[in-house]
Amino acid sequence: MAKKKLLEDIKNRPDRFYRLPGDVMRDRRFNDGERSEILHAWLDQADDVVRPHIESALEELQSRIQAQAPDHAAE
């Protein structure tokens, strides 16, 4: 229950918990899906200076998620 509350608190104010979007990527408390939630929440609140860094982190995360997904194209 504590992790769920922490995730919600972070999503409400990501900039209070992280200095840079890369810090979200390195936070081992969360899985990639939860990191994505945090970054998307931050993107909604971000200014023009931070926004490109968040978008870059989201692209990296999406690539990582796709690389881990089983390949169904061969079926």
PDB file of N, CA and C in Angstrom:
ATOM      1  N   MET A   1       0.821  -1.190   0.000  1.00  0.00           N
ATOM      2  CA  MET A   1       0.000   0.000   0.000  1.00  0.00           C
ATOM      3  C   MET A   1       0.870   1.262   0.000  1.00  0.00           C
ATOM      4  N   ALA A   2       2.003   1.220   0.678  1.00  0.00           N
ATOM      5  CA  ALA A   2       2.867   2.390   0.772  1.00  0.00           C
ATOM      6  C   ALA A   2       3.449   2.761  -0.584  1.00  0.00           C
ATOM      7  N   LYS A   3       3.789   1.745  -1.394  1.00  0.00           N
ATOM      8  CA  LYS A   3       4.344   2.020  -2.718  1.00  0.00           C
ATOM      9  C   LYS A   3       3.303   2.695  -3.606  1.00  0.00           C
ATOM     10  N   LYS A   4       2.070   2.244  -3.507  1.00  0.00           N
ATOM     11  CA  LYS A   4       0.994   2.834  -4.312  1.00  0.00           C
ATOM     12  C   LYS A   4       0.796   4.308  -3.937  1.00  0.00           C
ATOM     13  N   LYS A   5       0.839   4.600  -2.657  1.00  0.00           N
ATOM     14  CA  LYS A   5       0.694   5.981  -2.185  1.00  0.00           C
ATOM     15  C   LYS A   5       1.871   6.828  -2.655  1.00  0.00           C
ATOM     16  N   LEU A   6       3.078   6.278  -2.563  1.00  0.00           N
ATOM     17  CA  LEU A   6       4.261   6.987  -3.029  1.00  0.00           C
ATOM     18  C   LEU A   6       4.152   7.296  -4.518  1.00  0.00           C
ATOM     19  N   LEU A   7       3.729   6.317  -5.301  1.00  0.00           N
ATOM     20  CA  LEU A   7       3.574   6.521  -6.746  1.00  0.00           C
ATOM     21  C   LEU A   7       2.578   7.641  -7.027  1.00  0.00           C
ATOM     22  N   GLU A   8       1.461   7.655  -6.325  1.00  0.00           N
ATOM     23  CA  GLU A   8       0.468   8.709  -6.524  1.00  0.00           C
ATOM     24  C   GLU A   8       1.017  10.077  -6.121  1.00  0.00           C
ATOM     25  N   ASP A   9       1.738  10.137  -5.015  1.00  0.00           N
ATOM     26  CA  ASP A   9       2.354  11.398  -4.577  1.00  0.00           C
ATOM     27  C   ASP A   9       3.349  11.903  -5.621  1.00  0.00           C
ATOM     28  N   ILE A  10       4.155  10.993  -6.138  1.00  0.00           N
ATOM     29  CA  ILE A  10       5.141  11.379  -7.150  1.00  0.00           C
ATOM     30  C   ILE A  10       4.453  11.872  -8.414  1.00  0.00           C
ATOM     31  N   LYS A  11       3.407  11.186  -8.835  1.00  0.00           N
ATOM     32  CA  LYS A  11       2.699  11.605 -10.055  1.00  0.00           C
ATOM     33  C   LYS A  11       2.056  12.981  -9.893  1.00  0.00           C
ATOM     34  N   ASN A  12       1.684  13.331  -8.676  1.00  0.00           N
ATOM     35  CA  ASN A  12       1.099  14.650  -8.444  1.00  0.00           C
ATOM     36  C   ASN A  12       2.128  15.768  -8.570  1.00  0.00           C
ATOM     37  N   ARG A  13       3.367  15.509  -8.156  1.00  0.00           N
ATOM     38  CA  ARG A  13       4.432  16.527  -8.192  1.00  0.00           C
ATOM     39  C   ARG A  13       5.778  15.868  -8.479  1.00  0.00           C
ATOM     40  N   PRO A  14       5.998  15.349  -9.683  1.00  0.00           N
ATOM     41  CA  PRO A  14       7.258  14.651  -9.974  1.00  0.00           C
ATOM     42  C   PRO A  14       8.494  15.508  -9.731  1.00  0.00           C
ATOM     43  N   ASP A  15       8.386  16.798  -9.974  1.00  0.00           N
ATOM     44  CA  ASP A  15       9.550  17.669  -9.817  1.00  0.00           C
ATOM     45  C   ASP A  15       9.961  17.845  -8.353  1.00  0.00           C
ATOM     46  N   ARG A  16       9.119  17.476  -7.420  1.00  0.00           N
ATOM     47  CA  ARG A  16       9.493  17.501  -5.999  1.00  0.00           C
ATOM     48  C   ARG A  16      10.366  16.308  -5.638  1.00  0.00           C
ATOM     49  N   PHE A  17      10.230  15.218  -6.400  1.00  0.00           N
ATOM     50  CA  PHE A  17      10.930  13.980  -6.084  1.00  0.00           C
ATOM     51  C   PHE A  17      12.154  13.736  -6.965  1.00  0.00           C
ATOM     52  N   TYR A  18      12.135  14.305  -8.170  1.00  0.00           N
ATOM     53  CA  TYR A  18      13.211  14.058  -9.126  1.00  0.00           C
ATOM     54  C   TYR A  18      13.733  15.379  -9.676  1.00  0.00           C
ATOM     55  N   ARG A  19      15.044  15.444  -9.811  1.00  0.00           N
ATOM     56  CA  ARG A  19      15.664  16.638 -10.382  1.00  0.00           C
ATOM     57  C   ARG A  19      15.616  16.587 -11.905  1.00  0.00           C
ATOM     58  N   LEU A  20      15.834  15.387 -12.456  1.00  0.00           N
ATOM     59  CA  LEU A  20      15.877  15.194 -13.901  1.00  0.00           C
ATOM     60  C   LEU A  20      15.061  13.962 -14.290  1.00  0.00           C
ATOM     61  N   PRO A  21      14.521  13.937 -15.502  1.00  0.00           N
ATOM     62  CA  PRO A  21      13.786  12.747 -15.946  1.00  0.00           C
ATOM     63  C   PRO A  21      14.630  11.474 -15.906  1.00  0.00           C
ATOM     64  N   GLY A  22      15.928  11.592 -16.118  1.00  0.00           N
ATOM     65  CA  GLY A  22      16.800  10.422 -16.020  1.00  0.00           C
ATOM     66  C   GLY A  22      16.795   9.799 -14.635  1.00  0.00           C
ATOM     67  N   ASP A  23      16.512  10.602 -13.628  1.00  0.00           N
ATOM     68  CA  ASP A  23      16.430  10.083 -12.262  1.00  0.00           C
ATOM     69  C   ASP A  23      15.264   9.103 -12.128  1.00  0.00           C
ATOM     70  N   VAL A  24      14.194   9.354 -12.848  1.00  0.00           N
ATOM     71  CA  VAL A  24      13.046   8.438 -12.853  1.00  0.00           C
ATOM     72  C   VAL A  24      13.476   7.095 -13.446  1.00  0.00           C
ATOM     73  N   MET A  25      14.255   7.161 -14.520  1.00  0.00           N
ATOM     74  CA  MET A  25      14.700   5.946 -15.205  1.00  0.00           C
ATOM     75  C   MET A  25      15.584   5.080 -14.302  1.00  0.00           C
ATOM     76  N   ARG A  26      16.289   5.691 -13.377  1.00  0.00           N
ATOM     77  CA  ARG A  26      17.197   4.960 -12.496  1.00  0.00           C
ATOM     78  C   ARG A  26      16.558   4.543 -11.167  1.00  0.00           C
ATOM     79  N   ASP A  27      15.336   4.966 -10.924  1.00  0.00           N
ATOM     80  CA  ASP A  27      14.671   4.657  -9.656  1.00  0.00           C
ATOM     81  C   ASP A  27      14.227   3.192  -9.655  1.00  0.00           C
ATOM     82  N   ARG A  28      14.910   2.382  -8.876  1.00  0.00           N
ATOM     83  CA  ARG A  28      14.663   0.936  -8.861  1.00  0.00           C
ATOM     84  C   ARG A  28      13.411   0.539  -8.084  1.00  0.00           C
ATOM     85  N   ARG A  29      12.770   1.495  -7.464  1.00  0.00           N
ATOM     86  CA  ARG A  29      11.532   1.175  -6.728  1.00  0.00           C
ATOM     87  C   ARG A  29      10.374   0.873  -7.663  1.00  0.00           C
ATOM     88  N   PHE A  30      10.499   1.306  -8.922  1.00  0.00           N
ATOM     89  CA  PHE A  30       9.385   1.198  -9.857  1.00  0.00           C
ATOM     90  C   PHE A  30       9.748   0.376 -11.083  1.00  0.00           C
ATOM     91  N   ASN A  31       8.734  -0.267 -11.660  1.00  0.00           N
ATOM     92  CA  ASN A  31       8.943  -0.989 -12.913  1.00  0.00           C
ATOM     93  C   ASN A  31       8.759  -0.015 -14.079  1.00  0.00           C
ATOM     94  N   ASP A  32       8.992  -0.491 -15.293  1.00  0.00           N
ATOM     95  CA  ASP A  32       8.918   0.399 -16.453  1.00  0.00           C
ATOM     96  C   ASP A  32       7.525   0.999 -16.651  1.00  0.00           C
ATOM     97  N   GLY A  33       6.486   0.252 -16.364  1.00  0.00           N
ATOM     98  CA  GLY A  33       5.124   0.784 -16.480  1.00  0.00           C
ATOM     99  C   GLY A  33       4.881   1.937 -15.523  1.00  0.00           C
ATOM    100  N   GLU A  34       5.371   1.786 -14.305  1.00  0.00           N
ATOM    101  CA  GLU A  34       5.218   2.848 -13.304  1.00  0.00           C
ATOM    102  C   GLU A  34       6.085   4.052 -13.656  1.00  0.00           C
ATOM    103  N   ARG A  35       7.274   3.798 -14.183  1.00  0.00           N
ATOM    104  CA  ARG A  35       8.127   4.906 -14.629  1.00  0.00           C
ATOM    105  C   ARG A  35       7.426   5.691 -15.733  1.00  0.00           C
ATOM    106  N   SER A  36       6.784   4.970 -16.633  1.00  0.00           N
ATOM    107  CA  SER A  36       6.041   5.613 -17.716  1.00  0.00           C
ATOM    108  C   SER A  36       4.926   6.499 -17.159  1.00  0.00           C
ATOM    109  N   GLU A  37       4.215   6.005 -16.165  1.00  0.00           N
ATOM    110  CA  GLU A  37       3.154   6.798 -15.529  1.00  0.00           C
ATOM    111  C   GLU A  37       3.718   8.090 -14.949  1.00  0.00           C
ATOM    112  N   ILE A  38       4.842   7.975 -14.267  1.00  0.00           N
ATOM    113  CA  ILE A  38       5.473   9.152 -13.656  1.00  0.00           C
ATOM    114  C   ILE A  38       5.883  10.154 -14.726  1.00  0.00           C
ATOM    115  N   LEU A  39       6.550   9.667 -15.773  1.00  0.00           N
ATOM    116  CA  LEU A  39       7.024  10.566 -16.825  1.00  0.00           C
ATOM    117  C   LEU A  39       5.870  11.223 -17.568  1.00  0.00           C
ATOM    118  N   HIS A  40       4.798  10.477 -17.818  1.00  0.00           N
ATOM    119  CA  HIS A  40       3.637  11.087 -18.483  1.00  0.00           C
ATOM    120  C   HIS A  40       2.989  12.151 -17.594  1.00  0.00           C
ATOM    121  N   ALA A  41       2.916  11.875 -16.304  1.00  0.00           N
ATOM    122  CA  ALA A  41       2.366  12.874 -15.380  1.00  0.00           C
ATOM    123  C   ALA A  41       3.241  14.119 -15.377  1.00  0.00           C
ATOM    124  N   TRP A  42       4.553  13.926 -15.399  1.00  0.00           N
ATOM    125  CA  TRP A  42       5.487  15.048 -15.400  1.00  0.00           C
ATOM    126  C   TRP A  42       5.372  15.821 -16.708  1.00  0.00           C
ATOM    127  N   LEU A  43       5.201  15.111 -17.794  1.00  0.00           N
ATOM    128  CA  LEU A  43       5.065  15.758 -19.104  1.00  0.00           C
ATOM    129  C   LEU A  43       3.875  16.709 -19.119  1.00  0.00           C
ATOM    130  N   ASP A  44       2.794  16.316 -18.483  1.00  0.00           N
ATOM    131  CA  ASP A  44       1.594  17.169 -18.419  1.00  0.00           C
ATOM    132  C   ASP A  44       1.845  18.461 -17.655  1.00  0.00           C
ATOM    133  N   GLN A  45       2.837  18.458 -16.760  1.00  0.00           N
ATOM    134  CA  GLN A  45       3.112  19.615 -15.902  1.00  0.00           C
ATOM    135  C   GLN A  45       4.369  20.382 -16.318  1.00  0.00           C
ATOM    136  N   ALA A  46       5.100  19.846 -17.284  1.00  0.00           N
ATOM    137  CA  ALA A  46       6.440  20.358 -17.587  1.00  0.00           C
ATOM    138  C   ALA A  46       6.421  21.677 -18.349  1.00  0.00           C
ATOM    139  N   ASP A  47       7.472  22.454 -18.114  1.00  0.00           N
ATOM    140  CA  ASP A  47       7.667  23.666 -18.897  1.00  0.00           C
ATOM    141  C   ASP A  47       8.462  23.313 -20.157  1.00  0.00           C
ATOM    142  N   ASP A  48       8.687  24.292 -21.005  1.00  0.00           N
ATOM    143  CA  ASP A  48       9.351  24.047 -22.284  1.00  0.00           C
ATOM    144  C   ASP A  48      10.815  23.636 -22.135  1.00  0.00           C
ATOM    145  N   VAL A  49      11.417  23.912 -21.007  1.00  0.00           N
ATOM    146  CA  VAL A  49      12.820  23.550 -20.793  1.00  0.00           C
ATOM    147  C   VAL A  49      12.953  22.055 -20.470  1.00  0.00           C
ATOM    148  N   VAL A  50      12.078  21.550 -19.634  1.00  0.00           N
ATOM    149  CA  VAL A  50      12.161  20.160 -19.183  1.00  0.00           C
ATOM    150  C   VAL A  50      11.485  19.197 -20.159  1.00  0.00           C
ATOM    151  N   ARG A  51      10.473  19.667 -20.862  1.00  0.00           N
ATOM    152  CA  ARG A  51       9.672  18.816 -21.749  1.00  0.00           C
ATOM    153  C   ARG A  51      10.511  17.953 -22.697  1.00  0.00           C
ATOM    154  N   PRO A  52      11.502  18.491 -23.420  1.00  0.00           N
ATOM    155  CA  PRO A  52      12.274  17.633 -24.333  1.00  0.00           C
ATOM    156  C   PRO A  52      13.020  16.505 -23.614  1.00  0.00           C
ATOM    157  N   HIS A  53      13.465  16.756 -22.393  1.00  0.00           N
ATOM    158  CA  HIS A  53      14.170  15.724 -21.628  1.00  0.00           C
ATOM    159  C   HIS A  53      13.210  14.604 -21.217  1.00  0.00           C
ATOM    160  N   ILE A  54      12.003  14.976 -20.869  1.00  0.00           N
ATOM    161  CA  ILE A  54      10.995  13.978 -20.504  1.00  0.00           C
ATOM    162  C   ILE A  54      10.619  13.161 -21.735  1.00  0.00           C
ATOM    163  N   GLU A  55      10.428  13.837 -22.868  1.00  0.00           N
ATOM    164  CA  GLU A  55      10.084  13.128 -24.102  1.00  0.00           C
ATOM    165  C   GLU A  55      11.186  12.146 -24.489  1.00  0.00           C
ATOM    166  N   SER A  56      12.428  12.544 -24.317  1.00  0.00           N
ATOM    167  CA  SER A  56      13.554  11.666 -24.617  1.00  0.00           C
ATOM    168  C   SER A  56      13.558  10.445 -23.687  1.00  0.00           C
ATOM    169  N   ALA A  57      13.299  10.657 -22.416  1.00  0.00           N
ATOM    170  CA  ALA A  57      13.248   9.553 -21.458  1.00  0.00           C
ATOM    171  C   ALA A  57      12.097   8.607 -21.793  1.00  0.00           C
ATOM    172  N   LEU A  58      10.963   9.156 -22.213  1.00  0.00           N
ATOM    173  CA  LEU A  58       9.831   8.323 -22.597  1.00  0.00           C
ATOM    174  C   LEU A  58      10.151   7.485 -23.833  1.00  0.00           C
ATOM    175  N   GLU A  59      10.854   8.061 -24.789  1.00  0.00           N
ATOM    176  CA  GLU A  59      11.260   7.308 -25.978  1.00  0.00           C
ATOM    177  C   GLU A  59      12.187   6.162 -25.599  1.00  0.00           C
ATOM    178  N   GLU A  60      13.143   6.438 -24.730  1.00  0.00           N
ATOM    179  CA  GLU A  60      14.067   5.398 -24.258  1.00  0.00           C
ATOM    180  C   GLU A  60      13.310   4.291 -23.543  1.00  0.00           C
ATOM    181  N   LEU A  61      12.376   4.681 -22.710  1.00  0.00           N
ATOM    182  CA  LEU A  61      11.579   3.717 -21.960  1.00  0.00           C
ATOM    183  C   LEU A  61      10.734   2.870 -22.903  1.00  0.00           C
ATOM    184  N   GLN A  62      10.123   3.495 -23.886  1.00  0.00           N
ATOM    185  CA  GLN A  62       9.291   2.766 -24.850  1.00  0.00           C
ATOM    186  C   GLN A  62      10.133   1.758 -25.632  1.00  0.00           C
ATOM    187  N   SER A  63      11.330   2.148 -26.025  1.00  0.00           N
ATOM    188  CA  SER A  63      12.233   1.231 -26.728  1.00  0.00           C
ATOM    189  C   SER A  63      12.587   0.036 -25.854  1.00  0.00           C
ATOM    190  N   ARG A  64      12.826   0.307 -24.587  1.00  0.00           N
ATOM    191  CA  ARG A  64      13.179  -0.762 -23.652  1.00  0.00           C
ATOM    192  C   ARG A  64      12.006  -1.717 -23.459  1.00  0.00           C
ATOM    193  N   ILE A  65      10.797  -1.169 -23.349  1.00  0.00           N
ATOM    194  CA  ILE A  65       9.605  -1.999 -23.176  1.00  0.00           C
ATOM    195  C   ILE A  65       9.387  -2.870 -24.412  1.00  0.00           C
ATOM    196  N   GLN A  66       9.547  -2.286 -25.589  1.00  0.00           N
ATOM    197  CA  GLN A  66       9.368  -3.035 -26.830  1.00  0.00           C
ATOM    198  C   GLN A  66      10.417  -4.128 -26.974  1.00  0.00           C
ATOM    199  N   ALA A  67      11.629  -3.858 -26.542  1.00  0.00           N
ATOM    200  CA  ALA A  67      12.709  -4.849 -26.638  1.00  0.00           C
ATOM    201  C   ALA A  67      12.445  -6.034 -25.710  1.00  0.00           C
ATOM    202  N   GLN A  68      11.757  -5.800 -24.621  1.00  0.00           N
ATOM    203  CA  GLN A  68      11.463  -6.864 -23.665  1.00  0.00           C
ATOM    204  C   GLN A  68      10.222  -7.677 -24.044  1.00  0.00           C
ATOM    205  N   ALA A  69       9.383  -7.111 -24.916  1.00  0.00           N
ATOM    206  CA  ALA A  69       8.141  -7.774 -25.302  1.00  0.00           C
ATOM    207  C   ALA A  69       8.464  -8.985 -26.181  1.00  0.00           C
ATOM    208  N   PRO A  70       7.720 -10.072 -26.007  1.00  0.00           N
ATOM    209  CA  PRO A  70       7.930 -11.233 -26.872  1.00  0.00           C
ATOM    210  C   PRO A  70       7.587 -10.886 -28.321  1.00  0.00           C
ATOM    211  N   ASP A  71       8.309 -11.466 -29.233  1.00  0.00           N
ATOM    212  CA  ASP A  71       8.111 -11.196 -30.659  1.00  0.00           C
ATOM    213  C   ASP A  71       6.991 -12.093 -31.186  1.00  0.00           C
ATOM    214  N   HIS A  72       5.834 -11.489 -31.457  1.00  0.00           N
ATOM    215  CA  HIS A  72       4.690 -12.245 -31.963  1.00  0.00           C
ATOM    216  C   HIS A  72       4.630 -12.219 -33.492  1.00  0.00           C
ATOM    217  N   ALA A  73       5.511 -11.477 -34.121  1.00  0.00           N
ATOM    218  CA  ALA A  73       5.496 -11.378 -35.590  1.00  0.00           C
ATOM    219  C   ALA A  73       5.864 -12.707 -36.232  1.00  0.00           C
ATOM    220  N   ALA A  74       6.627 -13.534 -35.552  1.00  0.00           N
ATOM    221  CA  ALA A  74       7.061 -14.813 -36.122  1.00  0.00           C
ATOM    222  C   ALA A  74       5.970 -15.865 -36.076  1.00  0.00           C
ATOM    223  N   GLU A  75       4.896 -15.610 -35.360  1.00  0.00           N
ATOM    224  CA  GLU A  75       3.828 -16.608 -35.224  1.00  0.00           C
ATOM    225  C   GLU A  75       2.954 -16.668 -36.429  1.00  0.00           C
TER     226      GLU A  75
END
